Protein backbone atom coordinates (compact mmCIF):
# COMPACT_ATOMS: atom_id res chain seq x y z
CA MET A 1 -44.16 -70.07 -146.83
CA SER A 2 -44.72 -69.80 -150.59
CA LYS A 3 -47.76 -71.82 -151.25
CA SER A 4 -51.55 -70.70 -151.28
CA ILE A 5 -54.22 -72.99 -150.15
CA SER A 6 -57.61 -72.78 -151.50
CA ALA A 7 -60.31 -74.66 -149.63
CA ASN A 8 -63.55 -76.02 -151.41
CA ILE A 9 -66.01 -74.64 -148.80
CA GLY A 10 -69.91 -74.82 -149.74
CA LEU A 11 -70.71 -73.46 -153.35
CA GLY A 12 -67.64 -71.31 -153.14
CA ARG A 13 -63.92 -71.32 -152.62
CA LEU A 14 -62.10 -69.80 -149.98
CA ARG A 15 -58.42 -68.70 -150.73
CA LEU A 16 -56.59 -68.51 -147.43
CA VAL A 17 -53.61 -66.09 -148.55
CA GLY A 18 -51.32 -65.22 -151.10
CA SER A 19 -53.41 -64.78 -154.18
CA GLU A 20 -54.18 -61.96 -156.23
CA GLY A 21 -56.75 -59.50 -154.75
CA VAL A 22 -56.28 -61.03 -151.35
CA SER A 23 -54.20 -58.98 -148.84
CA PRO A 24 -51.33 -60.85 -146.74
CA GLY A 25 -52.45 -61.66 -143.48
CA VAL A 26 -56.24 -61.61 -144.46
CA VAL A 27 -58.44 -64.55 -144.29
CA PRO A 28 -61.57 -63.85 -146.35
CA GLY A 29 -64.57 -64.51 -144.03
CA LEU A 30 -62.18 -64.14 -140.89
CA ALA A 31 -62.26 -60.78 -139.13
CA ASP A 32 -62.35 -59.19 -135.90
CA VAL A 33 -63.31 -61.85 -133.37
CA SER A 34 -63.23 -64.68 -135.80
CA GLU A 35 -59.57 -64.08 -136.88
CA THR A 36 -58.42 -64.61 -133.15
CA MET A 37 -58.60 -68.52 -133.96
CA LEU A 38 -55.65 -68.08 -136.23
CA TRP A 39 -53.98 -66.30 -133.04
CA SER A 40 -54.48 -69.11 -130.62
CA LEU A 41 -53.37 -71.65 -133.36
CA HIS A 42 -50.25 -69.86 -133.65
CA ASN A 43 -49.80 -70.25 -129.90
CA ARG A 44 -50.53 -73.80 -129.82
CA ALA A 45 -48.49 -75.01 -132.81
CA PHE A 46 -45.38 -72.78 -131.60
CA GLU A 47 -45.56 -74.53 -128.06
CA ALA A 48 -45.99 -77.94 -129.48
CA LYS A 49 -42.96 -77.68 -131.60
CA ARG A 50 -40.67 -76.58 -128.33
CA ASP A 51 -38.81 -79.23 -126.58
CA ASP A 52 -40.28 -77.51 -123.42
CA GLY A 53 -43.61 -76.86 -124.70
CA VAL A 54 -46.63 -76.99 -122.47
CA ILE A 55 -48.74 -78.90 -124.94
CA GLU A 56 -48.69 -81.75 -127.21
CA ASP A 57 -50.91 -80.71 -130.24
CA PRO A 58 -49.71 -82.57 -133.63
CA ALA A 59 -53.20 -81.55 -135.28
CA SER A 60 -52.39 -77.93 -134.61
CA VAL A 61 -48.61 -78.19 -136.12
CA ARG A 62 -50.31 -79.59 -139.05
CA ILE A 63 -52.92 -77.15 -139.72
CA HIS A 64 -50.46 -74.44 -138.92
CA GLY A 65 -48.08 -75.75 -141.64
CA GLU A 66 -50.92 -76.07 -144.26
CA ILE A 67 -52.09 -72.20 -144.02
CA ASP A 68 -50.26 -69.92 -146.12
CA TYR A 69 -50.78 -66.88 -143.67
CA ASP A 70 -48.16 -64.36 -142.15
CA PHE A 71 -48.81 -65.45 -138.52
CA ASP A 72 -45.58 -63.68 -137.08
CA GLY A 73 -46.09 -60.69 -139.14
CA ARG A 74 -49.73 -60.39 -137.89
CA PHE A 75 -49.54 -61.71 -134.30
CA GLY A 76 -45.81 -61.27 -133.40
CA GLU A 77 -43.83 -64.16 -131.70
CA PRO A 78 -46.11 -66.49 -129.71
CA GLU A 79 -45.66 -65.98 -125.93
CA GLY A 80 -47.32 -69.19 -125.11
CA LEU A 81 -50.23 -68.12 -122.55
CA LEU A 82 -53.07 -69.11 -125.07
CA ALA A 83 -51.42 -72.55 -125.26
CA VAL A 84 -51.22 -72.81 -121.23
CA ARG A 85 -55.03 -72.08 -121.41
CA ALA A 86 -55.66 -74.78 -123.69
CA ALA A 87 -53.57 -77.18 -121.89
CA GLU A 88 -55.23 -76.18 -118.54
CA ILE A 89 -58.72 -76.86 -120.13
CA ASP A 90 -57.46 -80.03 -121.65
CA GLY A 91 -56.47 -81.48 -118.07
CA THR A 92 -59.88 -80.25 -116.56
CA ILE A 93 -62.09 -81.97 -119.33
CA ARG A 94 -59.84 -85.19 -118.78
CA GLN A 95 -60.87 -84.92 -115.21
CA TRP A 96 -64.51 -84.73 -115.94
CA LEU A 97 -64.37 -87.61 -118.45
CA GLN A 98 -62.97 -89.97 -115.75
CA ARG A 99 -66.43 -89.42 -113.89
CA ASN A 100 -68.44 -88.80 -117.14
CA PRO A 101 -66.69 -91.08 -119.90
CA ASP A 102 -69.23 -90.95 -122.26
CA GLY A 103 -70.56 -87.11 -121.77
CA CYS A 104 -70.91 -84.61 -123.94
CA VAL A 105 -68.50 -81.43 -124.32
CA VAL A 106 -69.85 -78.26 -126.07
CA SER A 107 -67.20 -76.16 -127.10
CA LEU A 108 -68.64 -72.79 -128.07
CA GLY A 109 -66.63 -70.19 -130.60
CA GLU A 110 -63.72 -72.71 -130.75
CA GLY A 111 -62.75 -71.94 -134.41
CA LEU A 112 -59.48 -74.20 -135.17
CA GLU A 113 -59.14 -75.49 -131.61
CA THR A 114 -57.98 -79.13 -131.96
CA GLN A 115 -58.94 -80.02 -128.21
CA ILE A 116 -61.10 -83.05 -129.17
CA ARG A 117 -58.13 -84.52 -130.86
CA ARG A 118 -55.97 -84.07 -127.58
CA VAL A 119 -58.91 -85.36 -125.02
CA ASP A 120 -60.81 -87.94 -126.78
CA ASN A 121 -61.28 -91.18 -124.76
CA GLY A 122 -62.89 -93.17 -127.49
CA TRP A 123 -66.81 -92.85 -126.01
CA MET A 124 -67.36 -89.05 -125.39
CA HIS A 125 -69.36 -86.83 -127.89
CA TRP A 126 -68.31 -83.30 -128.86
CA LEU A 127 -70.26 -80.56 -130.15
CA SER A 128 -68.50 -77.64 -131.80
CA VAL A 129 -70.72 -74.33 -132.08
CA ASP A 130 -69.24 -71.26 -134.18
CA LEU A 131 -70.38 -69.06 -136.96
CA HIS A 132 -70.94 -70.19 -140.67
CA ASP A 133 -67.48 -69.03 -141.91
CA ALA A 134 -65.71 -70.30 -138.85
CA ILE A 135 -67.27 -73.90 -139.08
CA GLN A 136 -66.63 -73.92 -142.70
CA LEU A 137 -63.02 -73.31 -142.40
CA ARG A 138 -62.88 -75.90 -139.61
CA GLU A 139 -64.35 -78.46 -141.69
CA HIS A 140 -61.72 -78.06 -144.05
CA PHE A 141 -59.07 -79.25 -141.57
CA LEU A 142 -61.10 -81.12 -138.80
CA PRO A 143 -63.90 -82.99 -140.56
CA PRO A 144 -66.86 -83.83 -138.56
CA THR A 145 -67.81 -87.74 -137.39
CA ASP A 146 -70.79 -89.20 -135.69
CA ARG A 147 -69.09 -88.34 -132.11
CA PHE A 148 -67.53 -84.98 -133.42
CA ARG A 149 -70.54 -82.71 -134.61
CA HIS A 150 -70.40 -79.17 -135.91
CA LEU A 151 -73.21 -76.50 -135.49
CA SER A 152 -73.07 -73.43 -137.27
CA LEU A 153 -74.87 -71.22 -135.02
CA SER A 154 -74.09 -68.23 -132.57
CA ALA A 155 -72.72 -69.17 -129.02
CA LEU A 156 -75.51 -66.62 -128.00
CA ASP A 157 -78.39 -68.49 -129.70
CA PRO A 158 -79.80 -70.92 -127.12
CA ALA A 159 -81.18 -73.02 -129.97
CA TRP A 160 -77.70 -74.98 -129.77
CA MET A 161 -78.72 -76.39 -126.58
CA ASP A 162 -81.43 -78.33 -128.26
CA ALA A 163 -78.62 -80.29 -130.08
CA VAL A 164 -77.09 -81.45 -126.43
CA ASP A 165 -78.08 -84.83 -124.86
CA PRO A 166 -77.51 -84.04 -121.26
CA SER A 167 -78.24 -87.54 -120.12
CA ALA A 168 -74.44 -88.60 -119.86
CA GLY A 169 -73.21 -85.19 -118.33
CA VAL A 170 -72.65 -81.66 -120.08
CA PHE A 171 -69.37 -79.80 -120.01
CA VAL A 172 -69.43 -76.32 -121.61
CA VAL A 173 -66.24 -74.64 -122.97
CA ALA A 174 -66.01 -70.89 -123.66
CA GLN A 175 -62.63 -70.73 -124.55
CA GLY A 176 -61.53 -67.15 -125.73
CA LEU A 177 -65.13 -66.05 -126.15
CA LEU A 178 -66.89 -64.03 -123.53
CA MET A 179 -64.62 -61.13 -123.33
CA TYR A 180 -65.70 -60.27 -126.70
CA LEU A 181 -69.55 -59.90 -125.53
CA ASP A 182 -71.23 -57.21 -123.87
CA PRO A 183 -71.87 -57.72 -120.00
CA GLU A 184 -75.51 -58.29 -120.48
CA GLU A 185 -75.16 -60.94 -123.21
CA VAL A 186 -72.51 -62.82 -120.74
CA ARG A 187 -75.11 -62.88 -117.89
CA ALA A 188 -77.93 -64.03 -120.58
CA PHE A 189 -75.49 -66.58 -121.77
CA PHE A 190 -74.62 -67.84 -118.31
CA THR A 191 -78.08 -67.97 -117.00
CA ASN A 192 -79.32 -69.83 -120.16
CA VAL A 193 -76.90 -72.66 -119.30
CA ALA A 194 -77.40 -72.84 -115.57
CA GLU A 195 -81.22 -73.23 -116.42
CA ARG A 196 -80.90 -75.63 -118.94
CA PHE A 197 -77.94 -78.02 -117.76
CA PRO A 198 -78.09 -78.31 -113.97
CA GLY A 199 -75.07 -80.30 -112.55
CA ALA A 200 -73.21 -79.26 -115.77
CA GLU A 201 -69.53 -77.85 -115.57
CA MET A 202 -68.17 -74.90 -117.46
CA VAL A 203 -64.77 -73.57 -118.23
CA PHE A 204 -64.18 -69.88 -119.69
CA ASP A 205 -61.45 -67.18 -119.29
CA VAL A 206 -61.93 -63.39 -118.66
CA VAL A 207 -59.64 -60.31 -118.81
CA PRO A 208 -59.32 -57.72 -116.19
CA ARG A 209 -61.23 -54.39 -116.33
CA TRP A 210 -58.20 -52.17 -116.94
CA PHE A 211 -57.14 -54.55 -120.37
CA SER A 212 -60.66 -54.48 -121.47
CA ALA A 213 -60.47 -50.57 -121.17
CA LEU A 214 -57.39 -50.59 -123.41
CA THR A 215 -58.84 -52.80 -126.02
CA MET A 216 -61.85 -50.53 -125.96
CA GLN A 217 -59.54 -47.67 -126.86
CA GLY A 218 -57.99 -49.62 -129.60
CA LEU A 219 -54.80 -51.62 -128.40
CA MET A 220 -52.20 -52.84 -131.13
CA LYS A 221 -50.74 -56.18 -130.71
CA THR A 222 -48.41 -55.35 -133.71
CA GLN A 223 -48.25 -52.77 -136.07
CA ASN A 224 -50.38 -55.22 -138.19
CA TYR A 225 -52.96 -56.67 -135.86
CA ARG A 226 -55.21 -54.44 -133.57
CA LEU A 227 -56.79 -56.73 -130.86
CA PRO A 228 -60.63 -56.86 -131.08
CA ARG A 229 -62.78 -54.97 -128.77
CA MET A 230 -63.53 -56.86 -125.50
CA PRO A 231 -66.25 -55.15 -123.65
CA TRP A 232 -66.47 -57.87 -120.84
CA GLY A 233 -63.69 -57.10 -118.41
CA ILE A 234 -64.14 -58.32 -114.61
CA ASN A 235 -61.38 -58.61 -112.01
CA ARG A 236 -60.64 -61.87 -110.34
CA ASN A 237 -62.17 -61.13 -106.78
CA GLU A 238 -65.60 -59.97 -108.70
CA ILE A 239 -65.99 -63.16 -110.57
CA GLU A 240 -67.61 -65.42 -108.05
CA PRO A 241 -70.14 -62.98 -106.46
CA THR A 242 -71.15 -61.77 -110.01
CA LEU A 243 -71.75 -65.52 -111.04
CA ARG A 244 -73.59 -65.99 -107.98
CA GLY A 245 -75.64 -63.03 -108.31
CA TRP A 246 -76.47 -64.17 -111.94
CA HIS A 247 -77.60 -67.61 -110.73
CA PRO A 248 -78.00 -69.11 -107.45
CA ASN A 249 -77.67 -72.62 -108.63
CA ILE A 250 -73.62 -72.62 -108.25
CA ALA A 251 -71.94 -75.26 -106.44
CA GLU A 252 -68.26 -74.48 -107.14
CA VAL A 253 -65.97 -71.90 -108.52
CA THR A 254 -62.27 -72.33 -109.00
CA PHE A 255 -59.31 -70.65 -110.51
CA LEU A 256 -57.04 -72.76 -112.93
CA ASP A 257 -53.50 -72.02 -113.35
CA TYR A 258 -53.23 -69.32 -116.20
CA VAL A 259 -49.85 -67.69 -116.41
CA ALA A 260 -47.14 -67.32 -119.24
CA PRO A 261 -45.36 -70.49 -119.35
CA ARG A 262 -41.68 -69.38 -118.81
CA GLY A 263 -39.38 -66.47 -118.79
CA LEU A 264 -39.85 -62.78 -117.36
CA PRO A 265 -43.68 -62.90 -117.85
CA ARG A 266 -43.84 -65.94 -115.79
CA ALA A 267 -41.46 -64.69 -113.09
CA LEU A 268 -43.48 -61.08 -113.04
CA ALA A 269 -46.75 -63.18 -112.84
CA SER A 270 -45.47 -64.93 -109.65
CA LEU A 271 -44.52 -61.63 -108.24
CA ILE A 272 -48.19 -60.29 -109.05
CA GLN A 273 -49.79 -62.95 -107.10
CA GLU A 274 -47.87 -61.72 -103.89
CA MET A 275 -49.15 -58.37 -104.13
CA PRO A 276 -52.74 -57.81 -102.52
CA PHE A 277 -53.69 -54.65 -104.58
CA LEU A 278 -52.48 -56.74 -108.28
CA ARG A 279 -53.30 -60.08 -107.89
CA HIS A 280 -57.22 -59.73 -109.01
CA GLU A 281 -56.26 -57.54 -112.11
CA VAL A 282 -54.83 -60.39 -114.17
CA PRO A 283 -56.44 -62.57 -116.81
CA SER A 284 -58.21 -65.63 -115.16
CA LEU A 285 -59.41 -69.07 -116.21
CA ILE A 286 -62.48 -70.20 -114.23
CA HIS A 287 -64.06 -73.51 -113.53
CA VAL A 288 -67.63 -73.48 -112.52
CA VAL A 289 -69.60 -76.52 -111.32
CA LEU A 290 -73.51 -76.07 -111.46
CA GLY A 291 -75.49 -77.65 -108.80
CA ASN A 292 -77.87 -80.45 -109.76
CA ALA A 293 -80.99 -78.47 -108.36
CA LEU A 294 -81.67 -75.29 -106.41
CA GLY A 295 -80.51 -75.45 -102.88
CA SER A 296 -77.82 -78.06 -103.53
CA GLU A 297 -74.73 -75.89 -103.90
CA ARG A 298 -71.83 -77.07 -102.20
CA PRO A 299 -69.64 -74.43 -100.26
CA SER A 300 -67.37 -72.54 -102.84
CA MET A 301 -63.85 -73.42 -102.84
CA THR A 302 -61.84 -70.78 -104.75
CA ALA A 303 -58.25 -70.91 -105.54
CA GLU A 304 -57.32 -68.05 -103.45
CA THR A 305 -59.66 -67.81 -100.48
CA PRO A 306 -61.36 -71.47 -99.60
CA GLY A 307 -64.77 -71.00 -98.29
CA ALA A 308 -64.96 -67.20 -98.70
CA HIS A 309 -66.64 -65.10 -101.42
CA PRO A 310 -64.75 -62.34 -102.21
CA LYS A 311 -66.39 -58.87 -102.43
CA PRO A 312 -66.37 -57.10 -105.54
CA THR A 313 -63.79 -54.06 -105.98
CA THR A 314 -64.99 -50.66 -107.31
CA SER A 315 -65.82 -50.61 -110.83
CA LEU A 316 -63.33 -49.13 -113.06
CA LYS A 317 -64.19 -46.55 -115.68
CA GLY A 318 -61.80 -47.49 -118.49
CA PRO A 319 -58.17 -47.24 -117.12
CA HIS A 320 -59.03 -44.97 -114.58
CA MET A 321 -58.53 -45.40 -110.71
CA PRO A 322 -61.29 -46.75 -108.51
CA THR A 323 -63.19 -43.98 -106.98
CA SER A 324 -62.90 -43.16 -103.23
CA ASP A 325 -65.26 -43.86 -100.57
CA HIS A 326 -65.00 -40.43 -99.23
CA MET A 327 -64.96 -38.36 -102.39
CA PRO A 328 -66.08 -39.08 -106.00
CA GLU A 329 -63.57 -38.59 -108.79
CA ILE A 330 -63.99 -35.19 -110.49
CA HIS A 331 -63.48 -35.29 -114.27
CA SER A 332 -64.77 -31.86 -114.90
CA ILE A 333 -62.47 -28.77 -114.94
CA ALA A 334 -65.46 -26.67 -114.94
CA ALA A 335 -66.63 -28.34 -111.63
CA PHE A 336 -63.23 -27.56 -110.26
CA PHE A 337 -63.15 -23.83 -110.95
CA ALA A 338 -66.83 -23.55 -109.86
CA ALA A 339 -65.98 -24.92 -106.51
CA LEU A 340 -62.95 -22.37 -106.54
CA THR A 341 -65.28 -19.52 -107.30
CA ARG A 342 -67.64 -20.47 -104.52
CA ASN A 343 -64.72 -20.49 -102.02
CA THR A 344 -63.35 -17.15 -103.24
CA ASP A 345 -66.77 -15.75 -103.00
CA ARG A 346 -67.61 -17.00 -99.56
CA GLY A 347 -64.14 -16.07 -98.49
CA GLY A 348 -64.79 -12.41 -99.59
CA ASP A 349 -68.24 -12.41 -97.64
CA VAL A 350 -66.32 -13.46 -94.59
CA ALA A 351 -63.71 -10.72 -95.07
CA THR A 352 -66.31 -8.04 -95.47
CA ALA A 353 -68.21 -9.20 -92.55
CA THR A 354 -65.06 -9.60 -90.42
CA ARG A 355 -63.94 -5.97 -91.30
CA HIS A 356 -67.60 -4.87 -89.81
CA VAL A 357 -67.24 -6.88 -86.77
CA ILE A 358 -63.77 -5.49 -85.89
CA GLY A 359 -65.12 -1.96 -86.67
CA LYS A 360 -68.10 -2.40 -84.46
CA ARG A 361 -66.04 -4.12 -81.48
CA VAL A 362 -63.27 -1.38 -81.83
CA ALA A 363 -66.13 1.23 -81.27
CA LEU A 364 -67.32 -0.68 -78.34
CA GLY A 365 -64.05 -1.01 -76.75
CA MET A 366 -63.45 2.70 -76.84
CA ALA A 367 -67.01 3.41 -75.55
CA ALA A 368 -66.26 0.97 -72.74
CA ALA A 369 -63.00 2.87 -71.95
CA MET A 370 -64.85 6.19 -71.97
CA ASN A 371 -67.66 4.57 -69.73
CA PRO A 372 -67.01 1.37 -68.25
CA ILE A 373 -70.51 1.19 -66.43
CA GLY A 374 -72.16 1.51 -69.67
CA ALA A 375 -70.16 -1.05 -71.64
CA ASP A 376 -71.71 -3.97 -73.49
CA HIS A 377 -70.67 -6.62 -70.93
CA ALA A 378 -72.91 -9.40 -72.47
CA GLU A 379 -71.25 -8.69 -75.99
CA PHE A 380 -67.65 -8.92 -74.41
CA ALA A 381 -68.50 -12.04 -72.60
CA GLN A 382 -69.28 -13.70 -75.95
CA ILE A 383 -66.12 -12.97 -77.52
CA ILE A 384 -63.77 -15.35 -76.07
CA PRO A 385 -66.15 -18.23 -75.68
CA GLU A 386 -67.61 -18.13 -79.33
CA LYS A 387 -64.06 -17.85 -81.05
CA VAL A 388 -62.85 -21.05 -79.15
CA GLU A 389 -65.97 -22.88 -80.15
CA ALA A 390 -65.37 -21.86 -83.72
CA PHE A 391 -62.01 -22.53 -84.13
CA THR A 392 -62.12 -25.77 -82.33
CA THR A 393 -65.03 -26.97 -84.73
CA SER A 394 -63.08 -25.81 -87.63
CA GLY A 395 -59.71 -27.58 -86.48
CA SER A 396 -61.94 -30.85 -85.81
CA ILE A 397 -63.19 -30.61 -89.42
CA MET A 398 -59.82 -29.80 -90.79
CA LEU A 399 -58.55 -32.88 -89.33
CA GLU A 400 -61.16 -35.28 -90.65
CA HIS A 401 -60.56 -33.76 -94.04
CA SER A 402 -56.71 -34.19 -93.66
CA SER A 403 -57.38 -37.79 -92.71
CA HIS A 404 -59.40 -38.17 -95.80
CA VAL A 405 -56.82 -36.34 -97.82
CA GLY A 406 -54.02 -38.97 -96.28
CA GLN A 407 -55.95 -41.99 -97.25
CA ARG A 408 -56.60 -40.63 -100.71
CA MET A 409 -52.75 -39.89 -101.18
CA THR A 410 -51.84 -43.46 -99.91
CA ARG A 411 -54.52 -44.92 -102.29
CA LEU A 412 -53.21 -42.90 -105.18
CA VAL A 413 -49.40 -44.00 -104.64
CA SER A 414 -50.46 -47.64 -104.38
CA GLU A 415 -53.03 -47.52 -107.54
CA GLU A 416 -50.27 -45.75 -109.54
CA PHE A 417 -47.63 -48.47 -108.65
CA ALA A 418 -50.28 -51.18 -109.65
CA THR A 419 -51.03 -49.17 -112.77
CA ALA A 420 -47.33 -48.97 -113.59
CA THR A 421 -46.61 -52.82 -113.07
CA ARG A 422 -49.95 -53.30 -115.39
CA ALA A 423 -48.38 -51.20 -117.92
CA VAL A 424 -44.84 -52.95 -117.67
CA THR A 425 -46.80 -56.41 -118.31
CA THR A 426 -48.52 -54.87 -121.36
CA LEU A 427 -45.32 -53.69 -122.66
CA ILE A 428 -43.42 -56.71 -122.07
CA GLY A 429 -46.08 -58.67 -124.03
CA CYS A 430 -45.51 -56.47 -127.32
CA SER A 431 -43.65 -58.58 -129.99
CA SER A 432 -42.53 -55.83 -132.13
CA PRO A 433 -41.40 -52.03 -131.82
CA ALA A 434 -44.31 -50.78 -133.56
CA ALA A 435 -46.56 -52.71 -131.13
CA PHE A 436 -44.47 -51.35 -128.14
CA VAL A 437 -44.93 -47.62 -129.54
CA GLU A 438 -48.70 -48.11 -129.96
CA ALA A 439 -49.08 -49.75 -126.37
CA GLN A 440 -46.85 -46.66 -125.05
CA GLY A 441 -49.43 -44.45 -126.54
CA SER A 442 -52.50 -45.94 -125.12
CA ILE A 443 -50.72 -46.27 -121.71
CA ALA A 444 -49.75 -42.64 -122.03
CA ARG A 445 -53.24 -41.35 -122.88
CA ALA A 446 -54.60 -43.30 -120.11
CA TRP A 447 -51.96 -41.84 -117.65
CA PHE A 448 -52.60 -38.47 -118.38
CA GLU A 449 -56.52 -38.73 -118.16
CA ARG A 450 -55.93 -40.62 -114.82
CA THR A 451 -53.63 -38.08 -113.65
CA ALA A 452 -55.64 -35.12 -114.55
CA SER A 453 -58.70 -36.54 -112.99
CA SER A 454 -56.72 -37.54 -109.51
CA PHE A 455 -55.18 -34.16 -109.39
CA LEU A 456 -58.59 -32.42 -109.97
CA GLY A 457 -60.18 -34.85 -107.32
CA LEU A 458 -57.41 -34.00 -104.76
CA GLY A 459 -57.92 -30.18 -105.60
CA MET A 460 -61.46 -30.44 -104.95
CA LEU A 461 -61.11 -32.52 -101.89
CA ALA A 462 -58.80 -29.50 -100.67
CA LEU A 463 -61.44 -27.08 -101.86
CA ASN A 464 -64.18 -28.84 -99.88
CA ALA A 465 -62.08 -29.16 -96.78
CA HIS A 466 -61.33 -25.40 -97.06
CA ASP A 467 -65.08 -24.49 -97.14
CA ALA A 468 -66.13 -27.01 -94.56
CA ALA A 469 -63.34 -25.90 -92.22
CA LEU A 470 -64.19 -22.20 -92.66
CA ALA A 471 -68.10 -22.70 -92.15
CA PRO A 472 -68.12 -22.46 -88.34
CA ILE A 473 -65.96 -19.54 -88.43
CA ARG A 474 -68.01 -17.79 -91.13
CA GLN A 475 -71.27 -18.73 -89.32
CA THR A 476 -69.79 -17.04 -86.35
CA VAL A 477 -68.82 -13.71 -87.93
CA VAL A 478 -71.95 -13.59 -89.78
CA ALA A 479 -73.83 -13.95 -86.65
CA ASN A 480 -71.71 -11.09 -85.00
CA ALA A 481 -72.18 -8.91 -87.85
CA GLU A 482 -75.92 -9.35 -87.78
CA ARG A 483 -76.00 -8.98 -84.04
CA LEU A 484 -73.63 -5.90 -83.91
CA ASN A 485 -75.60 -4.13 -86.99
């Protein structure tokens, strides 16, 4: 596209791209999270122009065509997932509007989202809340009206709630927003909405923990675009219990369809849904219905387990595996060698005591052979029983630890397969060779850290098992040495 677009905004002029002093692919005033509005616009426009597209969105096609911006060079070829997200939210809003035809939809951080043009029923009200630069750009392409209002404010500022009339119903959309916030900010946001608008409905999307961890390390989507950091990652089976822990007035939590629209990514998503250890580690689109008052909650109906509240999984630390119930992950080589030194020292003490006991008992045996009547019969009577007890106890301990090792190994294999599948998903989503190489590097670093941690953990488990199993024998030998001294 050869043209440059300049927009009169406020007291100044915002040139979108292509002018002197402006780097291609950069929109002044849009950086980091704000720039993602162009990424989602690219997805919607691309899908809307396809014969088999998942969304009808002429407004996005128009805006996309009017912006002189290297969308493909910046974001790569659209994969369609963000258009699926928008289409699913459209359908949920339309259903809500059938029950609340003149209600108010609040769309937080929507940027250049054209959802209001797709769902408007002629009576509803719409409030778009976004940062100042984003609202300025939005108003150039989507001017406000009496029913479609704009508010320059952070979604985290509860002041936007004062601009909402809840009398006809409230629907809050946080599309592509919450993952960019810190967990405590998300909690405060959700609590504020639940307190202020009982009976309201919400839709928002989340990313799983492993993907959040990759973005925190620095994940390149293409060679020209690094994904913004996403501090809030949460796995699917953690979502409902987390929300209910934040606020008790939740009537219903459901999951909306949110997978790639076609091709290998969609087939892979269908396969993942059949794998219990992977199905909770995918991006999710959540629809929440708040109760009208405390104590008015309806039974939860999740998409996967009707009526059940799934238990949260163990928290992931970055891309590392979840910790075992029997043994914490060991991330310190120093701790491993300290345990190894401990076992070596204790083994040396046992060997010394054993040599002393053997020497004493050989002397007792020789004395008994010379004078059977004067032999220490009490000492000889203890030799066999105490050995049987010590080795039996040691064997039981080793069996118990072996069971733990087996469980750990099984879990490692399962989790390594899950991680490999997630890595394939990430690589499939790369839209350029440079992005593929960058993703490979991030995955390789995460794999090395995880493998080192796992091997250290298994080594620590083996050392602890060795130390625990030898403890009864060590105690018996030491007791013998003290008694025979």
